[in-house]
N, C-alpha and C. Protein backbone atom coordinates (compact mmCIF):
# COMPACT_ATOMS: atom_id res chain seq x y z
N MET A 1 5.63 -5.76 25.66
CA MET A 1 4.58 -6.69 25.33
C MET A 1 5.16 -7.79 24.45
N ALA A 2 4.87 -9.02 24.75
CA ALA A 2 5.40 -10.16 24.01
C ALA A 2 4.62 -10.34 22.72
N LYS A 3 5.34 -10.74 21.68
CA LYS A 3 4.70 -10.98 20.39
C LYS A 3 4.02 -12.34 20.41
N LYS A 4 2.87 -12.40 19.74
CA LYS A 4 2.14 -13.65 19.65
C LYS A 4 2.81 -14.53 18.61
N LYS A 5 3.12 -15.74 18.97
CA LYS A 5 3.79 -16.66 18.06
C LYS A 5 2.76 -17.57 17.39
N THR A 6 2.98 -17.83 16.11
CA THR A 6 2.12 -18.71 15.34
C THR A 6 2.82 -20.04 15.19
N PRO A 7 2.17 -21.12 15.56
CA PRO A 7 2.78 -22.43 15.37
C PRO A 7 3.01 -22.69 13.88
N GLN A 8 4.03 -23.49 13.59
CA GLN A 8 4.37 -23.76 12.20
C GLN A 8 3.23 -24.40 11.42
N ALA A 9 2.42 -25.17 12.09
CA ALA A 9 1.30 -25.83 11.41
C ALA A 9 0.29 -24.80 10.91
N LYS A 10 0.15 -23.69 11.64
CA LYS A 10 -0.82 -22.67 11.27
C LYS A 10 -0.21 -21.58 10.39
N LEU A 11 1.08 -21.66 10.16
CA LEU A 11 1.76 -20.63 9.38
C LEU A 11 1.23 -20.54 7.95
N ALA A 12 1.02 -21.69 7.33
CA ALA A 12 0.53 -21.71 5.95
C ALA A 12 -0.85 -21.08 5.84
N THR A 13 -1.74 -21.40 6.76
CA THR A 13 -3.08 -20.82 6.70
C THR A 13 -3.05 -19.32 7.00
N ALA A 14 -2.16 -18.91 7.89
CA ALA A 14 -2.04 -17.48 8.21
C ALA A 14 -1.52 -16.71 6.98
N LEU A 15 -0.54 -17.28 6.28
CA LEU A 15 -0.02 -16.64 5.07
C LEU A 15 -1.09 -16.59 3.97
N GLN A 16 -1.84 -17.66 3.82
CA GLN A 16 -2.91 -17.67 2.82
C GLN A 16 -3.94 -16.58 3.12
N LYS A 17 -4.26 -16.41 4.37
CA LYS A 17 -5.24 -15.39 4.75
C LYS A 17 -4.71 -13.99 4.43
N ILE A 18 -3.46 -13.73 4.73
CA ILE A 18 -2.85 -12.43 4.46
C ILE A 18 -2.81 -12.16 2.96
N LEU A 19 -2.39 -13.17 2.18
CA LEU A 19 -2.32 -13.01 0.73
C LEU A 19 -3.70 -12.83 0.11
N LYS A 20 -4.69 -13.50 0.63
CA LYS A 20 -6.07 -13.35 0.13
C LYS A 20 -6.58 -11.94 0.38
N GLU A 21 -6.31 -11.40 1.56
CA GLU A 21 -6.72 -10.02 1.87
C GLU A 21 -6.01 -9.03 0.95
N TYR A 22 -4.73 -9.26 0.70
CA TYR A 22 -3.97 -8.40 -0.20
C TYR A 22 -4.55 -8.47 -1.62
N GLU A 23 -4.86 -9.67 -2.07
CA GLU A 23 -5.44 -9.86 -3.40
C GLU A 23 -6.76 -9.10 -3.53
N GLU A 24 -7.61 -9.19 -2.52
CA GLU A 24 -8.90 -8.51 -2.55
C GLU A 24 -8.72 -7.00 -2.60
N ASP A 25 -7.78 -6.47 -1.81
CA ASP A 25 -7.52 -5.03 -1.82
C ASP A 25 -7.01 -4.56 -3.18
N VAL A 26 -6.06 -5.29 -3.74
CA VAL A 26 -5.50 -4.91 -5.04
C VAL A 26 -6.57 -5.01 -6.12
N THR A 27 -7.37 -6.07 -6.11
CA THR A 27 -8.42 -6.25 -7.11
C THR A 27 -9.44 -5.13 -7.03
N GLU A 28 -9.83 -4.78 -5.82
CA GLU A 28 -10.80 -3.69 -5.63
C GLU A 28 -10.25 -2.37 -6.16
N ASN A 29 -8.99 -2.07 -5.85
CA ASN A 29 -8.37 -0.83 -6.31
C ASN A 29 -8.23 -0.82 -7.84
N LEU A 30 -7.82 -1.94 -8.42
CA LEU A 30 -7.67 -2.00 -9.87
C LEU A 30 -9.00 -1.87 -10.58
N ASP A 31 -10.05 -2.47 -10.04
CA ASP A 31 -11.38 -2.33 -10.64
C ASP A 31 -11.81 -0.87 -10.64
N GLU A 32 -11.57 -0.19 -9.53
CA GLU A 32 -11.92 1.22 -9.42
C GLU A 32 -11.17 2.07 -10.45
N VAL A 33 -9.86 1.84 -10.56
CA VAL A 33 -9.04 2.60 -11.51
C VAL A 33 -9.45 2.28 -12.95
N THR A 34 -9.70 1.01 -13.25
CA THR A 34 -10.09 0.60 -14.60
C THR A 34 -11.40 1.25 -15.01
N LYS A 35 -12.37 1.24 -14.12
CA LYS A 35 -13.66 1.86 -14.40
C LYS A 35 -13.51 3.36 -14.63
N GLN A 36 -12.72 4.01 -13.78
CA GLN A 36 -12.50 5.45 -13.87
C GLN A 36 -11.83 5.82 -15.20
N PHE A 37 -10.81 5.08 -15.60
CA PHE A 37 -10.09 5.41 -16.83
C PHE A 37 -10.88 5.03 -18.08
N GLY A 38 -11.78 4.09 -17.98
CA GLY A 38 -12.67 3.80 -19.12
C GLY A 38 -13.55 5.00 -19.41
N LYS A 39 -14.13 5.56 -18.37
CA LYS A 39 -14.98 6.75 -18.53
C LYS A 39 -14.15 7.94 -19.01
N LYS A 40 -12.96 8.09 -18.44
CA LYS A 40 -12.09 9.20 -18.82
C LYS A 40 -11.67 9.08 -20.29
N GLY A 41 -11.37 7.89 -20.75
CA GLY A 41 -10.97 7.67 -22.14
C GLY A 41 -12.11 7.96 -23.11
N ALA A 42 -13.32 7.53 -22.76
CA ALA A 42 -14.47 7.80 -23.62
C ALA A 42 -14.72 9.31 -23.72
N GLN A 43 -14.58 10.01 -22.61
CA GLN A 43 -14.75 11.47 -22.63
C GLN A 43 -13.68 12.13 -23.48
N ALA A 44 -12.46 11.63 -23.41
CA ALA A 44 -11.36 12.22 -24.18
C ALA A 44 -11.57 12.02 -25.68
N VAL A 45 -11.98 10.83 -26.10
CA VAL A 45 -12.22 10.59 -27.53
C VAL A 45 -13.42 11.41 -27.99
N ARG A 46 -14.44 11.49 -27.13
CA ARG A 46 -15.62 12.31 -27.44
C ARG A 46 -15.21 13.76 -27.67
N GLY A 47 -14.32 14.25 -26.82
CA GLY A 47 -13.84 15.62 -26.96
C GLY A 47 -13.05 15.83 -28.24
N GLU A 48 -12.21 14.85 -28.61
CA GLU A 48 -11.45 14.94 -29.86
C GLU A 48 -12.40 15.00 -31.06
N ALA A 49 -13.43 14.16 -31.05
CA ALA A 49 -14.37 14.12 -32.17
C ALA A 49 -15.23 15.39 -32.22
N GLN A 50 -15.61 15.90 -31.06
CA GLN A 50 -16.40 17.14 -31.05
C GLN A 50 -15.58 18.32 -31.54
N GLY A 51 -14.28 18.29 -31.27
CA GLY A 51 -13.41 19.35 -31.74
C GLY A 51 -13.33 19.39 -33.26
N LYS A 52 -13.62 18.27 -33.90
CA LYS A 52 -13.61 18.22 -35.36
C LYS A 52 -15.01 18.49 -35.92
N GLY A 53 -16.00 18.69 -35.04
CA GLY A 53 -17.36 19.00 -35.47
C GLY A 53 -18.13 17.81 -36.00
N TRP A 54 -17.96 16.65 -35.41
CA TRP A 54 -18.60 15.44 -35.91
C TRP A 54 -19.90 15.09 -35.20
N GLY A 55 -20.49 15.97 -34.48
CA GLY A 55 -21.82 15.86 -33.88
C GLY A 55 -22.23 14.51 -33.31
N GLU A 56 -23.12 13.82 -34.03
CA GLU A 56 -23.70 12.57 -33.54
C GLU A 56 -22.65 11.48 -33.33
N TYR A 57 -21.67 11.42 -34.21
CA TYR A 57 -20.58 10.45 -34.04
C TYR A 57 -19.84 10.71 -32.74
N ALA A 58 -19.60 11.96 -32.44
CA ALA A 58 -18.86 12.33 -31.23
C ALA A 58 -19.61 11.94 -29.97
N THR A 59 -20.91 12.10 -29.97
CA THR A 59 -21.69 11.78 -28.76
C THR A 59 -21.88 10.28 -28.58
N GLY A 60 -21.52 9.48 -29.58
CA GLY A 60 -21.70 8.03 -29.50
C GLY A 60 -20.63 7.30 -28.72
N TRP A 61 -19.59 7.99 -28.25
CA TRP A 61 -18.50 7.32 -27.52
C TRP A 61 -18.91 7.03 -26.09
N THR A 62 -18.70 5.80 -25.67
CA THR A 62 -19.03 5.39 -24.30
C THR A 62 -18.06 4.28 -23.87
N SER A 63 -18.18 3.85 -22.63
CA SER A 63 -17.32 2.77 -22.14
C SER A 63 -18.17 1.73 -21.42
N ARG A 64 -17.63 0.53 -21.36
CA ARG A 64 -18.31 -0.58 -20.68
C ARG A 64 -17.29 -1.27 -19.79
N PHE A 65 -17.66 -1.51 -18.56
CA PHE A 65 -16.79 -2.17 -17.59
C PHE A 65 -17.22 -3.62 -17.47
N ASP A 66 -16.28 -4.54 -17.66
CA ASP A 66 -16.55 -5.98 -17.55
C ASP A 66 -15.64 -6.57 -16.49
N LYS A 67 -16.23 -7.25 -15.53
CA LYS A 67 -15.44 -7.90 -14.49
C LYS A 67 -15.43 -9.39 -14.75
N GLU A 68 -14.26 -9.89 -15.06
CA GLU A 68 -14.08 -11.32 -15.27
C GLU A 68 -13.67 -11.95 -13.95
N ARG A 69 -13.42 -13.21 -13.97
CA ARG A 69 -13.04 -13.92 -12.74
C ARG A 69 -11.68 -13.46 -12.24
N LEU A 70 -10.70 -13.39 -13.15
CA LEU A 70 -9.35 -13.06 -12.73
C LEU A 70 -8.95 -11.61 -13.02
N PHE A 71 -9.70 -10.93 -13.86
CA PHE A 71 -9.32 -9.57 -14.22
C PHE A 71 -10.56 -8.77 -14.59
N SER A 72 -10.36 -7.49 -14.74
CA SER A 72 -11.44 -6.63 -15.19
C SER A 72 -10.92 -5.80 -16.36
N LYS A 73 -11.84 -5.34 -17.19
CA LYS A 73 -11.43 -4.52 -18.32
C LYS A 73 -12.51 -3.48 -18.60
N SER A 74 -12.07 -2.41 -19.19
CA SER A 74 -12.97 -1.34 -19.58
C SER A 74 -12.80 -1.15 -21.08
N THR A 75 -13.90 -1.28 -21.82
CA THR A 75 -13.87 -1.16 -23.26
C THR A 75 -14.47 0.17 -23.67
N ILE A 76 -13.72 0.91 -24.47
CA ILE A 76 -14.20 2.19 -24.99
C ILE A 76 -14.62 1.93 -26.43
N TYR A 77 -15.84 2.31 -26.76
CA TYR A 77 -16.35 2.02 -28.10
C TYR A 77 -17.33 3.10 -28.55
N ASN A 78 -17.64 3.09 -29.83
CA ASN A 78 -18.62 4.00 -30.39
C ASN A 78 -19.86 3.19 -30.75
N LYS A 79 -21.03 3.81 -30.60
CA LYS A 79 -22.28 3.10 -30.86
C LYS A 79 -22.52 2.87 -32.35
N THR A 80 -21.71 3.51 -33.22
CA THR A 80 -21.79 3.29 -34.66
C THR A 80 -20.65 2.36 -35.06
N PRO A 81 -20.91 1.06 -35.18
CA PRO A 81 -19.81 0.13 -35.46
C PRO A 81 -19.21 0.35 -36.84
N GLY A 82 -17.89 0.21 -36.93
CA GLY A 82 -17.18 0.32 -38.20
C GLY A 82 -16.73 1.73 -38.54
N LEU A 83 -17.50 2.72 -38.18
CA LEU A 83 -17.16 4.09 -38.54
C LEU A 83 -15.86 4.58 -37.89
N PRO A 84 -15.60 4.29 -36.62
CA PRO A 84 -14.33 4.75 -36.04
C PRO A 84 -13.12 4.21 -36.80
N HIS A 85 -13.17 2.96 -37.24
CA HIS A 85 -12.06 2.38 -37.98
C HIS A 85 -11.87 3.09 -39.32
N LEU A 86 -12.96 3.37 -40.02
CA LEU A 86 -12.88 4.05 -41.31
C LEU A 86 -12.33 5.46 -41.16
N LEU A 87 -12.76 6.16 -40.13
CA LEU A 87 -12.26 7.52 -39.93
C LEU A 87 -10.80 7.52 -39.49
N GLU A 88 -10.43 6.57 -38.65
CA GLU A 88 -9.06 6.51 -38.12
C GLU A 88 -8.05 6.11 -39.19
N HIS A 89 -8.44 5.19 -40.08
CA HIS A 89 -7.50 4.63 -41.04
C HIS A 89 -7.79 4.98 -42.50
N GLY A 90 -8.85 5.68 -42.79
CA GLY A 90 -9.22 5.97 -44.17
C GLY A 90 -9.93 4.77 -44.78
N HIS A 91 -10.42 4.94 -46.01
CA HIS A 91 -11.14 3.84 -46.64
C HIS A 91 -11.03 3.94 -48.15
N ALA A 92 -11.35 2.85 -48.83
CA ALA A 92 -11.28 2.81 -50.29
C ALA A 92 -12.51 3.49 -50.88
N LEU A 93 -12.34 4.01 -52.06
CA LEU A 93 -13.45 4.64 -52.77
C LEU A 93 -14.26 3.61 -53.55
N ARG A 94 -15.44 3.99 -53.95
CA ARG A 94 -16.31 3.08 -54.68
C ARG A 94 -15.66 2.65 -56.00
N GLY A 95 -15.03 3.59 -56.69
CA GLY A 95 -14.40 3.28 -57.96
C GLY A 95 -12.99 2.70 -57.82
N GLY A 96 -12.52 2.56 -56.61
CA GLY A 96 -11.17 2.04 -56.36
C GLY A 96 -10.23 3.16 -55.96
N GLY A 97 -9.18 2.82 -55.29
CA GLY A 97 -8.20 3.80 -54.85
C GLY A 97 -8.55 4.45 -53.52
N ARG A 98 -7.63 5.24 -53.01
CA ARG A 98 -7.82 5.92 -51.74
C ARG A 98 -7.41 7.39 -51.84
N SER A 99 -7.34 7.89 -53.04
CA SER A 99 -6.75 9.21 -53.25
C SER A 99 -7.48 10.35 -52.55
N SER A 100 -8.81 10.33 -52.52
CA SER A 100 -9.50 11.47 -51.93
C SER A 100 -9.98 11.22 -50.50
N THR A 101 -9.73 10.05 -49.96
CA THR A 101 -10.12 9.81 -48.57
C THR A 101 -8.88 9.93 -47.70
N ARG A 102 -9.01 10.65 -46.65
CA ARG A 102 -7.88 10.77 -45.74
C ARG A 102 -8.30 10.24 -44.39
N SER A 103 -7.33 9.88 -43.60
CA SER A 103 -7.64 9.38 -42.27
C SER A 103 -7.63 10.55 -41.29
N PHE A 104 -8.50 10.45 -40.30
CA PHE A 104 -8.58 11.43 -39.23
C PHE A 104 -8.15 10.72 -37.94
N VAL A 105 -6.88 10.83 -37.62
CA VAL A 105 -6.35 10.14 -36.45
C VAL A 105 -6.84 10.88 -35.20
N HIS A 106 -7.76 10.25 -34.48
CA HIS A 106 -8.32 10.87 -33.28
C HIS A 106 -8.40 9.89 -32.11
N ILE A 107 -8.22 8.61 -32.35
CA ILE A 107 -8.32 7.61 -31.29
C ILE A 107 -6.93 7.27 -30.74
N ALA A 108 -5.95 7.08 -31.61
CA ALA A 108 -4.60 6.65 -31.21
C ALA A 108 -3.93 7.61 -30.21
N PRO A 109 -3.99 8.93 -30.40
CA PRO A 109 -3.35 9.81 -29.41
C PRO A 109 -4.00 9.71 -28.02
N VAL A 110 -5.31 9.57 -28.01
CA VAL A 110 -6.01 9.43 -26.73
C VAL A 110 -5.64 8.11 -26.09
N ASP A 111 -5.54 7.05 -26.88
CA ASP A 111 -5.17 5.73 -26.38
C ASP A 111 -3.79 5.77 -25.71
N GLU A 112 -2.82 6.39 -26.36
CA GLU A 112 -1.47 6.48 -25.79
C GLU A 112 -1.48 7.26 -24.48
N LYS A 113 -2.16 8.38 -24.48
CA LYS A 113 -2.20 9.24 -23.29
C LYS A 113 -2.88 8.52 -22.11
N ILE A 114 -4.04 7.93 -22.37
CA ILE A 114 -4.80 7.25 -21.32
C ILE A 114 -4.04 6.03 -20.82
N SER A 115 -3.37 5.30 -21.71
CA SER A 115 -2.61 4.11 -21.30
C SER A 115 -1.49 4.47 -20.34
N GLU A 116 -0.77 5.55 -20.65
CA GLU A 116 0.32 5.98 -19.77
C GLU A 116 -0.22 6.42 -18.41
N GLU A 117 -1.30 7.20 -18.42
CA GLU A 117 -1.89 7.65 -17.16
C GLU A 117 -2.43 6.47 -16.36
N TYR A 118 -3.01 5.48 -17.04
CA TYR A 118 -3.54 4.30 -16.36
C TYR A 118 -2.43 3.52 -15.65
N LEU A 119 -1.31 3.33 -16.35
CA LEU A 119 -0.20 2.60 -15.74
C LEU A 119 0.33 3.33 -14.50
N ARG A 120 0.44 4.66 -14.59
CA ARG A 120 0.89 5.42 -13.42
C ARG A 120 -0.09 5.29 -12.27
N ALA A 121 -1.40 5.34 -12.57
CA ALA A 121 -2.41 5.23 -11.52
C ALA A 121 -2.40 3.84 -10.88
N VAL A 122 -2.20 2.81 -11.69
CA VAL A 122 -2.13 1.44 -11.16
C VAL A 122 -0.94 1.28 -10.24
N LYS A 123 0.22 1.78 -10.66
CA LYS A 123 1.42 1.69 -9.81
C LYS A 123 1.22 2.43 -8.50
N LYS A 124 0.54 3.57 -8.57
CA LYS A 124 0.30 4.37 -7.37
C LYS A 124 -0.66 3.64 -6.41
N LYS A 125 -1.71 3.02 -6.96
CA LYS A 125 -2.69 2.32 -6.12
C LYS A 125 -2.12 1.07 -5.47
N ILE A 126 -1.25 0.37 -6.20
CA ILE A 126 -0.70 -0.87 -5.65
C ILE A 126 0.37 -0.51 -4.65
């Protein structure tokens, strides 16, 4: 069977069409992976906080998926603003100093783990 030849004038439009289809496939796959890992990250931080017995704070972890024009992102956050930062990094006392407040590192380990898994999943999907 003879191969169909594309005239040079139509070559540019044919390449644009192929690249556009590839872009749509990659974007769709990345959106799916981003959404999935946002939920997975929120569950992981929630689990870390529940393991420390933090009740209502632990159940406040959730994720939000935002699709921009050129990219998408998934934000993992707690419904109590400011508290995750204070727990993660410690805070100053009313009278000054930081001697009796300690930090409870529970977000950074999950962030590292989820980031590595996300990169592997993205490479696999592409």
